[in-house]
Amino acid sequence: MSLRIREDRQRFTFYRLSDPEKGEVKRRLLEALLPREEILAAIVYGGFISSSVFRDIDVGVLTGGRSLTRSCLVTRRPYRMS
């Protein structure tokens, strides 16, 4: 294992979810974003979609120039399945 990979593993927390669990996360994101009138479209991309192991969930949001309210902004707290 290279020093770079070892340093990354020490610095970041990595997550692994089954496909059904990932589906549940996407369902909850949809549930949270769908009522927002200012959101025209959203896309989940990155390691969460393309890899079995990921560090975060990347979500792109299209607002058509409308401003998002503060309550819609995402925090850095890790998501917990419950």
Protein backbone atom coordinates (compact mmCIF):
# COMPACT_ATOMS: atom_id res chain seq x y z
CA MET A 1 0.00 0.00 0.00
CA SER A 2 1.43 3.36 -0.98
CA LEU A 3 2.02 6.10 1.56
CA ARG A 4 -0.54 8.31 -0.23
CA ILE A 5 -3.34 5.73 0.13
CA ARG A 6 -2.44 5.07 3.75
CA GLU A 7 -2.52 8.83 4.52
CA ASP A 8 -5.92 9.18 2.80
CA ARG A 9 -7.38 6.31 4.84
CA GLN A 10 -6.21 7.94 8.05
CA ARG A 11 -7.58 11.35 7.08
CA PHE A 12 -11.00 10.33 5.70
CA THR A 13 -13.84 8.10 6.80
CA PHE A 14 -14.97 5.69 4.11
CA TYR A 15 -18.46 4.20 3.90
CA ARG A 16 -19.87 1.09 2.28
CA LEU A 17 -23.59 0.52 1.66
CA SER A 18 -25.43 -2.24 -0.13
CA ASP A 19 -27.44 -1.37 -3.25
CA PRO A 20 -30.72 -1.45 -1.29
CA GLU A 21 -29.22 0.90 1.33
CA LYS A 22 -28.02 3.27 -1.41
CA GLY A 23 -31.54 3.17 -2.84
CA GLU A 24 -32.89 4.20 0.57
CA VAL A 25 -30.45 7.14 0.74
CA LYS A 26 -31.53 8.27 -2.74
CA ARG A 27 -35.20 7.92 -1.74
CA ARG A 28 -34.61 10.09 1.34
CA LEU A 29 -32.79 12.71 -0.74
CA LEU A 30 -35.70 12.78 -3.18
CA GLU A 31 -38.14 13.07 -0.30
CA ALA A 32 -36.20 16.05 1.09
CA LEU A 33 -35.72 17.84 -2.24
CA LEU A 34 -39.04 17.21 -4.02
CA PRO A 35 -41.12 19.70 -1.97
CA ARG A 36 -38.64 22.52 -2.71
CA GLU A 37 -40.20 24.66 -5.44
CA GLU A 38 -36.87 26.38 -6.21
CA ILE A 39 -35.23 23.05 -7.15
CA LEU A 40 -35.83 22.19 -10.80
CA ALA A 41 -33.56 19.13 -10.95
CA ALA A 42 -31.01 17.28 -8.84
CA ILE A 43 -28.41 14.64 -9.63
CA VAL A 44 -26.43 12.32 -7.37
CA TYR A 45 -22.96 11.59 -8.77
CA GLY A 46 -19.43 10.60 -7.80
CA GLY A 47 -18.16 7.72 -5.71
CA PHE A 48 -21.53 7.07 -4.09
CA ILE A 49 -22.86 6.03 -7.52
CA SER A 50 -19.76 4.61 -9.20
CA SER A 51 -17.98 2.77 -6.37
CA SER A 52 -18.75 0.30 -3.63
CA VAL A 53 -16.79 2.48 -1.17
CA PHE A 54 -17.33 6.24 -0.87
CA ARG A 55 -16.47 9.18 1.40
CA ASP A 56 -19.41 11.48 0.72
CA ILE A 57 -22.50 11.91 -1.41
CA ASP A 58 -22.22 14.48 -4.19
CA VAL A 59 -25.52 16.13 -5.11
CA GLY A 60 -25.84 18.72 -7.87
CA VAL A 61 -28.91 20.94 -7.71
CA LEU A 62 -30.35 23.08 -10.54
CA THR A 63 -32.37 26.04 -9.33
CA GLY A 64 -32.82 28.02 -12.54
CA GLY A 65 -31.37 31.09 -10.85
CA ARG A 66 -33.59 30.91 -7.81
CA SER A 67 -31.87 31.16 -4.43
CA LEU A 68 -31.90 28.25 -2.03
CA THR A 69 -32.95 29.02 1.51
CA ARG A 70 -30.53 28.31 4.34
CA SER A 71 -32.62 25.34 5.52
CA CYS A 72 -31.87 23.56 2.23
CA LEU A 73 -28.09 23.75 2.60
CA VAL A 74 -26.29 20.56 3.54
CA THR A 75 -24.11 20.29 6.62
CA ARG A 76 -20.82 18.40 6.90
CA ARG A 77 -22.32 15.94 9.38
CA PRO A 78 -22.11 12.35 8.15
CA TYR A 79 -25.39 10.77 7.13
CA ARG A 80 -26.54 7.97 9.43
CA MET A 81 -28.92 5.27 8.30
CA SER A 82 -31.59 4.78 10.96
